[in-house]
Amino acid sequence: MKITNVLAAITLRAAASSKTTTELSPLWLEKIQRFSLLCDEGSSKTHIAFLGTAILAKAIDSEVDLFAVKPKHAKGNLHSYSARTLCHGVLVPLAAEFGFSLGVTGREPLNNQPYFRMNYLGDDTPVHAGGRVAFDFMLNLIHELQSATTSEAAEALRCFVYVRRGYFTTYSQSESQSSLSFPEFVTAVERFVAQNSEGGRRAQAVAAGLFDVFAGPLQVESGRINDPSRKYPGDVCVRRASPITHALEVREVDGPIQWEKAVEVRDKPVSAADIQIFVAKCLSMGVREAAVLMVSPEQSVFDQTALQDWAAGFGQGLTLFSGWAQFIDQVLFWAAKPKPEAISEAVSRIQKRLASVEASPQSLALWEDLTIKG
């Protein structure tokens, strides 16, 4: 029997998208909850993925033979199906998307024992002693499902997803007032900077606040707008880690600041010549990693690879970011905290940076409006 991934995905998405608990069967809820507990107690979680696969197959076609799980070993059986293919191709990726646990986290749960060795379900393939009780309980459920209609199986599938959602690992948001998702955060930044440049203050504060999350505020320097540029190689700079991470007076006694990275933030169009001038300045100040963040909607396209090759010829690393999304994604990925927590911290850090660059009160109020949910 050919069960297509497209039809299987449609069926599973319908079950996982159901919002009404009134559609849940109390009997199936109890059975799957009991089964889940048995699997936890016996350390036999692969059986969970197998049961989910069998329920999904029956919800697609009532004629499927849930015991003939390997077509090559069921020649002549027109109702056999590939449990491994269905599980790997549909159940695993959609379980991750919709947030319900299959017990194991690998991409091919049925590549484990006993399912890897068995020719058909119930062929007396040895089962680990610790998982025997759960396996036998599941076998009874499969016998019950064998005569089920597609609507009855769909009911069981909704219950499976509902129960297994309770086993999916999640982490609570940090205690910050902000709980923006990544797309919401990027949109907030784009709207905030586009609404009013304030002479570049907003863009620079956002970039500095993000680098605070990545490197720590004690390592990040960002001068005021229109300050003389003799001190800093770029708008936002990260200095090299040092045992002394405070007190400018102490650092000055120790010698000039050694910069690790420098970023030029431009919310106006940048030319190739502008970038070359910035790179030359970084070279003169001993900064080996330079980046230009280009966020103007009027930014023209130029050969970025050629510029990077040119910089490499001087032993200089050059990274060019086109737009906020790419820059934010990179910075948050390399931050020490998980992205949801890093976003919450970034909201607060950016607010502090806005104050330090003397952004207007209206700017601070708008940032709060865009980032504080609820």
Protein backbone atom coordinates (compact mmCIF):
# COMPACT_ATOMS: atom_id res chain seq x y z
CA MET A 1 0.00 0.00 0.00
CA LYS A 2 1.42 3.35 -1.04
CA ILE A 3 0.90 6.00 1.64
CA THR A 4 2.13 9.30 0.27
CA ASN A 5 3.94 11.75 2.48
CA VAL A 6 1.69 14.54 1.23
CA LEU A 7 -1.52 12.83 2.36
CA ALA A 8 0.12 11.73 5.61
CA ALA A 9 1.25 15.28 6.35
CA ILE A 10 -2.24 16.67 5.69
CA THR A 11 -3.73 14.09 8.06
CA LEU A 12 -1.23 14.74 10.83
CA ARG A 13 -1.40 18.50 10.47
CA ALA A 14 -5.18 18.36 10.87
CA ALA A 15 -4.81 16.37 14.08
CA ALA A 16 -2.03 18.57 15.48
CA SER A 17 -3.86 21.80 14.61
CA SER A 18 -7.05 20.83 16.43
CA LYS A 19 -7.72 23.32 19.22
CA THR A 20 -10.82 21.83 20.84
CA THR A 21 -10.35 19.31 23.63
CA THR A 22 -13.97 18.25 23.19
CA GLU A 23 -12.80 16.21 20.19
CA LEU A 24 -10.57 14.09 22.42
CA SER A 25 -11.70 10.60 23.33
CA PRO A 26 -11.43 9.96 27.10
CA LEU A 27 -10.74 6.28 26.41
CA TRP A 28 -7.87 6.95 24.01
CA LEU A 29 -6.48 9.66 26.26
CA GLU A 30 -6.34 7.19 29.13
CA LYS A 31 -4.75 4.47 26.99
CA ILE A 32 -2.03 6.71 25.57
CA GLN A 33 -1.31 8.25 28.97
CA ARG A 34 -0.97 4.76 30.45
CA PHE A 35 1.22 3.67 27.55
CA SER A 36 3.46 6.74 27.95
CA LEU A 37 3.99 5.97 31.63
CA LEU A 38 4.88 2.35 30.86
CA CYS A 39 7.43 3.48 28.28
CA ASP A 40 9.01 5.88 30.78
CA GLU A 41 9.14 3.26 33.48
CA GLY A 42 10.66 0.63 31.21
CA SER A 43 13.06 2.93 29.31
CA SER A 44 11.47 1.76 26.05
CA LYS A 45 10.60 4.99 24.31
CA THR A 46 11.03 3.76 20.75
CA HIS A 47 7.60 2.11 21.09
CA ILE A 48 6.03 5.58 21.30
CA ALA A 49 7.16 6.49 17.79
CA PHE A 50 5.92 3.15 16.48
CA LEU A 51 2.45 3.58 17.98
CA GLY A 52 2.20 7.09 16.56
CA THR A 53 3.17 5.77 13.13
CA ALA A 54 0.56 3.00 13.27
CA ILE A 55 -2.20 5.39 14.33
CA LEU A 56 -1.26 7.80 11.54
CA ALA A 57 -1.30 5.01 8.94
CA LYS A 58 -4.77 3.87 10.01
CA ALA A 59 -6.06 7.46 10.00
CA ILE A 60 -5.02 7.69 6.35
CA ASP A 61 -6.43 4.37 5.11
CA SER A 62 -8.63 1.98 7.10
CA GLU A 63 -7.49 -0.95 4.91
CA VAL A 64 -3.85 -0.76 5.99
CA ASP A 65 -2.43 -3.86 7.68
CA LEU A 66 -0.74 -2.51 10.80
CA PHE A 67 1.21 -5.74 11.30
CA ALA A 68 2.74 -5.80 7.80
CA VAL A 69 5.22 -3.00 8.50
CA LYS A 70 7.85 -4.02 5.91
CA PRO A 71 6.46 -4.48 2.39
CA LYS A 72 9.51 -6.44 1.20
CA HIS A 73 8.68 -9.09 3.81
CA ALA A 74 4.96 -9.04 3.02
CA LYS A 75 4.93 -9.96 -0.66
CA GLY A 76 1.40 -10.44 -1.92
CA ASN A 77 -0.08 -8.38 0.91
CA LEU A 78 -1.55 -5.35 -0.84
CA HIS A 79 -2.26 -3.66 2.50
CA SER A 80 1.27 -3.62 3.90
CA TYR A 81 3.03 -0.31 4.46
CA SER A 82 6.49 0.95 5.32
CA ALA A 83 6.33 2.06 8.92
CA ARG A 84 9.91 3.26 8.86
CA THR A 85 9.33 5.48 5.80
CA LEU A 86 6.15 6.99 7.22
CA CYS A 87 7.78 7.65 10.57
CA HIS A 88 10.97 9.16 9.15
CA GLY A 89 9.31 11.16 6.36
CA VAL A 90 6.30 12.61 8.16
CA LEU A 91 5.91 11.83 11.85
CA VAL A 92 9.41 12.90 12.96
CA PRO A 93 9.58 16.31 11.21
CA LEU A 94 6.00 17.26 12.08
CA ALA A 95 6.44 16.19 15.70
CA ALA A 96 9.27 18.73 15.90
CA GLU A 97 7.22 21.39 14.13
CA PHE A 98 4.12 20.98 16.30
CA GLY A 99 5.96 20.23 19.52
CA PHE A 100 4.98 16.73 20.59
CA SER A 101 7.41 14.08 21.79
CA LEU A 102 8.04 10.75 20.09
CA GLY A 103 10.07 9.53 23.04
CA VAL A 104 13.36 9.48 21.14
CA THR A 105 14.99 12.38 19.32
CA GLY A 106 16.73 10.72 16.36
CA ARG A 107 15.55 11.19 12.80
CA GLU A 108 14.84 7.44 12.38
CA PRO A 109 13.30 6.09 15.60
CA LEU A 110 12.34 2.79 13.97
CA ASN A 111 15.95 2.13 13.09
CA ASN A 112 16.23 0.82 16.66
CA GLN A 113 15.42 -2.58 18.13
CA PRO A 114 13.12 -4.42 17.95
CA TYR A 115 11.74 -2.70 14.82
CA PHE A 116 14.97 -2.83 12.88
CA ARG A 117 15.13 -6.63 13.09
CA MET A 118 11.48 -7.66 12.83
CA ASN A 119 9.92 -8.76 9.55
CA TYR A 120 6.39 -8.09 10.73
CA LEU A 121 4.85 -6.95 13.98
CA GLY A 122 4.30 -9.93 16.27
CA ASP A 123 6.93 -12.21 14.70
CA ASP A 124 8.50 -12.88 18.12
CA THR A 125 11.47 -10.65 17.51
CA PRO A 126 13.19 -10.34 20.92
CA VAL A 127 12.17 -7.27 22.93
CA HIS A 128 14.32 -5.83 25.68
CA ALA A 129 13.09 -7.06 29.04
CA GLY A 130 12.71 -3.54 30.37
CA GLY A 131 10.36 -2.61 27.54
CA ARG A 132 8.34 -5.81 27.40
CA VAL A 133 5.35 -4.53 29.38
CA ALA A 134 5.07 -1.39 27.25
CA PHE A 135 5.48 -3.41 24.04
CA ASP A 136 2.72 -5.85 24.99
CA PHE A 137 0.42 -2.98 25.96
CA MET A 138 1.11 -1.35 22.57
CA LEU A 139 0.46 -4.64 20.77
CA ASN A 140 -3.02 -4.73 22.29
CA LEU A 141 -3.63 -1.18 21.07
CA ILE A 142 -2.51 -2.14 17.56
CA HIS A 143 -4.97 -5.08 17.57
CA GLU A 144 -7.71 -2.64 18.55
CA LEU A 145 -6.71 -0.17 15.84
CA GLN A 146 -6.58 -2.86 13.16
CA SER A 147 -10.36 -2.84 12.82
CA ALA A 148 -10.79 0.93 13.33
CA THR A 149 -12.20 3.31 10.74
CA THR A 150 -10.22 6.33 9.58
CA SER A 151 -12.38 8.65 11.70
CA GLU A 152 -11.80 6.49 14.79
CA ALA A 153 -8.07 6.44 14.10
CA ALA A 154 -8.08 10.21 13.58
CA GLU A 155 -9.63 10.52 17.03
CA ALA A 156 -6.84 8.38 18.47
CA LEU A 157 -4.27 10.48 16.58
CA ARG A 158 -5.55 13.70 18.14
CA CYS A 159 -5.24 12.08 21.56
CA PHE A 160 -1.71 10.87 20.78
CA VAL A 161 -0.59 14.38 19.83
CA TYR A 162 -2.32 15.92 22.85
CA VAL A 163 -0.75 13.55 25.38
CA ARG A 164 2.71 13.60 23.83
CA ARG A 165 2.75 17.41 23.82
CA GLY A 166 2.99 17.13 27.57
CA TYR A 167 6.30 15.30 27.16
CA PHE A 168 7.88 17.79 24.77
CA THR A 169 10.81 19.68 26.29
CA THR A 170 10.18 23.41 26.56
CA TYR A 171 11.85 26.21 28.47
CA SER A 172 10.03 29.09 30.07
CA GLN A 173 10.75 32.61 28.91
CA SER A 174 13.05 34.69 31.07
CA GLU A 175 11.42 37.00 33.55
CA SER A 176 11.86 39.96 31.22
CA GLN A 177 8.69 41.76 30.24
CA SER A 178 9.51 41.10 26.60
CA SER A 179 8.61 37.76 25.05
CA LEU A 180 9.09 38.58 21.38
CA SER A 181 9.73 35.83 18.88
CA PHE A 182 12.67 36.22 16.51
CA PRO A 183 10.52 37.50 13.58
CA GLU A 184 8.69 39.91 15.92
CA PHE A 185 11.98 41.23 17.26
CA VAL A 186 13.41 41.79 13.77
CA THR A 187 10.21 43.59 12.73
CA ALA A 188 10.36 45.78 15.83
CA VAL A 189 13.96 46.79 15.07
CA GLU A 190 13.21 47.50 11.40
CA ARG A 191 10.18 49.65 12.25
CA PHE A 192 12.03 51.45 15.01
CA VAL A 193 15.02 52.47 12.88
CA ALA A 194 12.96 53.27 9.78
CA GLN A 195 10.55 55.54 11.69
CA ASN A 196 13.24 58.12 12.47
CA SER A 197 16.99 57.83 12.07
CA GLU A 198 17.80 60.51 14.67
CA GLY A 199 21.08 61.05 12.88
CA GLY A 200 22.00 57.38 13.11
CA ARG A 201 21.45 57.16 16.86
CA ARG A 202 18.80 54.47 16.69
CA ALA A 203 20.71 52.14 14.39
CA GLN A 204 23.91 52.50 16.40
CA ALA A 205 22.12 51.87 19.71
CA VAL A 206 20.46 48.74 18.36
CA ALA A 207 23.74 47.34 17.05
CA ALA A 208 25.55 48.15 20.31
CA GLY A 209 22.78 46.59 22.41
CA LEU A 210 22.94 43.41 20.37
CA PHE A 211 26.71 43.23 20.78
CA ASP A 212 26.21 43.70 24.52
CA VAL A 213 24.26 40.43 24.50
CA PHE A 214 26.95 38.71 22.45
CA ALA A 215 30.15 39.94 24.12
CA GLY A 216 28.95 41.56 27.34
CA PRO A 217 28.56 45.32 27.90
CA LEU A 218 31.97 45.57 29.55
CA GLN A 219 33.65 44.50 26.31
CA VAL A 220 31.60 46.70 23.95
CA GLU A 221 32.35 50.34 23.26
CA SER A 222 30.09 52.66 21.33
CA GLY A 223 30.75 56.39 21.22
CA ARG A 224 28.27 59.18 20.86
CA ILE A 225 27.05 60.16 17.41
CA ASN A 226 29.38 62.62 15.64
CA ASP A 227 32.13 62.15 18.25
CA PRO A 228 35.65 62.41 16.81
CA SER A 229 36.57 59.00 15.47
CA ARG A 230 40.20 58.96 16.60
CA LYS A 231 39.40 56.76 19.61
CA TYR A 232 37.14 54.11 18.08
CA PRO A 233 37.75 52.30 14.78
CA GLY A 234 33.99 51.86 14.20
CA ASP A 235 30.57 52.82 15.51
CA VAL A 236 30.46 49.72 17.70
CA CYS A 237 33.64 47.96 18.81
CA VAL A 238 34.48 44.86 20.80
CA ARG A 239 37.74 44.93 22.67
CA ARG A 240 39.80 41.89 23.38
CA ALA A 241 39.05 40.00 26.57
CA SER A 242 41.28 40.98 29.45
CA PRO A 243 41.51 40.11 33.13
CA ILE A 244 40.74 43.77 33.66
CA THR A 245 37.26 44.41 32.30
CA HIS A 246 36.38 47.67 34.05
CA ALA A 247 37.69 51.13 34.86
CA LEU A 248 38.89 53.02 31.82
CA GLU A 249 41.63 54.63 33.93
CA VAL A 250 43.18 51.20 34.61
CA ARG A 251 42.99 50.17 30.96
CA GLU A 252 44.66 53.40 29.88
CA VAL A 253 47.51 52.80 32.29
CA ASP A 254 47.93 49.31 30.86
CA GLY A 255 48.27 50.74 27.38
CA PRO A 256 46.05 51.45 24.38
CA ILE A 257 42.86 49.45 23.97
CA GLN A 258 43.23 46.45 21.71
CA TRP A 259 40.18 45.98 19.52
CA GLU A 260 38.96 42.57 18.41
CA LYS A 261 36.07 43.61 16.15
CA ALA A 262 34.75 46.85 14.72
CA VAL A 263 31.36 47.44 13.13
CA GLU A 264 30.30 50.40 11.07
CA VAL A 265 26.52 50.93 11.21
CA ARG A 266 24.96 52.73 8.26
CA ASP A 267 21.29 53.52 7.84
CA LYS A 268 22.19 55.52 4.71
CA PRO A 269 23.44 54.03 1.42
CA VAL A 270 27.06 52.85 1.52
CA SER A 271 29.46 52.78 -1.42
CA ALA A 272 32.31 50.37 -2.03
CA ALA A 273 34.70 53.27 -1.43
CA ASP A 274 33.11 53.93 2.00
CA ILE A 275 33.82 50.34 2.97
CA GLN A 276 37.40 50.49 1.75
CA ILE A 277 38.03 53.65 3.79
CA PHE A 278 36.60 51.94 6.88
CA VAL A 279 38.74 48.85 6.34
CA ALA A 280 41.86 51.01 5.96
CA LYS A 281 41.07 52.68 9.28
CA CYS A 282 40.65 49.30 10.98
CA LEU A 283 43.98 48.17 9.59
CA SER A 284 45.69 51.30 10.92
CA MET A 285 44.26 50.63 14.40
CA GLY A 286 45.14 46.94 14.47
CA VAL A 287 41.58 45.61 14.10
CA ARG A 288 41.68 42.37 12.10
CA GLU A 289 37.91 41.76 11.94
CA ALA A 290 35.70 44.46 10.46
CA ALA A 291 32.03 44.46 9.55
CA VAL A 292 29.65 46.89 7.90
CA LEU A 293 25.96 46.76 8.74
CA MET A 294 23.97 48.23 5.83
CA VAL A 295 20.30 48.78 6.71
CA SER A 296 19.18 51.50 4.33
CA PRO A 297 16.30 50.44 2.02
CA GLU A 298 18.01 52.49 -0.71
CA GLN A 299 21.26 50.53 -0.44
CA SER A 300 22.65 49.75 -3.90
CA VAL A 301 24.02 46.35 -4.82
CA PHE A 302 27.75 45.90 -5.37
CA ASP A 303 30.19 43.03 -5.61
CA GLN A 304 30.61 42.05 -1.96
CA THR A 305 32.85 39.10 -2.77
CA ALA A 306 35.30 41.36 -4.59
CA LEU A 307 35.47 43.67 -1.56
CA GLN A 308 36.06 40.78 0.80
CA ASP A 309 38.80 39.43 -1.46
CA TRP A 310 40.36 42.89 -1.55
CA ALA A 311 40.36 43.09 2.26
CA ALA A 312 41.77 39.56 2.56
CA GLY A 313 44.71 40.69 0.48
CA PHE A 314 45.73 42.88 3.44
CA GLY A 315 45.11 40.09 5.94
CA GLN A 316 41.84 41.73 6.98
CA GLY A 317 38.57 39.92 7.71
CA LEU A 318 35.54 41.74 6.33
CA THR A 319 31.88 40.81 6.85
CA LEU A 320 29.05 42.68 5.13
CA PHE A 321 25.54 42.49 6.54
CA SER A 322 22.64 43.46 4.29
CA GLY A 323 19.67 44.33 6.48
CA TRP A 324 18.83 43.76 10.12
CA ALA A 325 17.59 40.17 9.94
CA GLN A 326 20.93 38.72 8.86
CA PHE A 327 22.88 40.69 11.46
CA ILE A 328 20.50 39.93 14.34
CA ASP A 329 20.38 36.24 13.49
CA GLN A 330 24.18 35.96 13.51
CA VAL A 331 24.68 37.92 16.74
CA LEU A 332 22.00 36.02 18.65
CA PHE A 333 23.25 32.66 17.40
CA TRP A 334 26.71 33.32 18.86
CA ALA A 335 25.36 34.75 22.10
CA ALA A 336 25.83 32.62 25.21
CA LYS A 337 22.13 32.48 25.99
CA PRO A 338 19.42 30.63 24.02
CA LYS A 339 17.80 32.89 21.43
CA PRO A 340 14.50 33.53 23.31
CA GLU A 341 16.43 34.67 26.39
CA ALA A 342 18.95 36.60 24.30
CA ILE A 343 16.12 38.54 22.65
CA SER A 344 14.70 39.50 26.03
CA GLU A 345 18.10 40.74 27.14
CA ALA A 346 18.64 42.59 23.85
CA VAL A 347 15.45 44.59 24.36
CA SER A 348 16.78 45.88 27.68
CA ARG A 349 20.34 46.44 26.45
CA ILE A 350 19.16 48.44 23.44
CA GLN A 351 17.07 50.66 25.70
CA LYS A 352 20.18 51.45 27.78
CA ARG A 353 22.20 52.16 24.64
CA LEU A 354 19.51 54.54 23.38
CA ALA A 355 19.93 56.55 26.56
CA SER A 356 23.73 56.55 26.23
CA VAL A 357 23.63 57.98 22.68
CA GLU A 358 21.15 60.63 23.88
CA ALA A 359 18.24 59.44 21.78
CA SER A 360 15.04 61.44 22.18
CA PRO A 361 12.42 60.60 24.85
CA GLN A 362 10.06 59.78 21.98
CA SER A 363 12.57 57.22 20.75
CA LEU A 364 12.69 55.47 24.13
CA ALA A 365 8.91 55.46 24.36
CA LEU A 366 8.55 54.00 20.86
CA TRP A 367 11.08 51.24 21.59
CA GLU A 368 9.09 50.25 24.65
CA ASP A 369 5.82 50.27 22.69
CA LEU A 370 7.29 48.04 19.99
CA THR A 371 8.89 45.49 22.28
CA ILE A 372 6.76 45.14 25.41
CA LYS A 373 3.96 42.67 24.77
CA GLY A 374 0.77 42.64 26.74
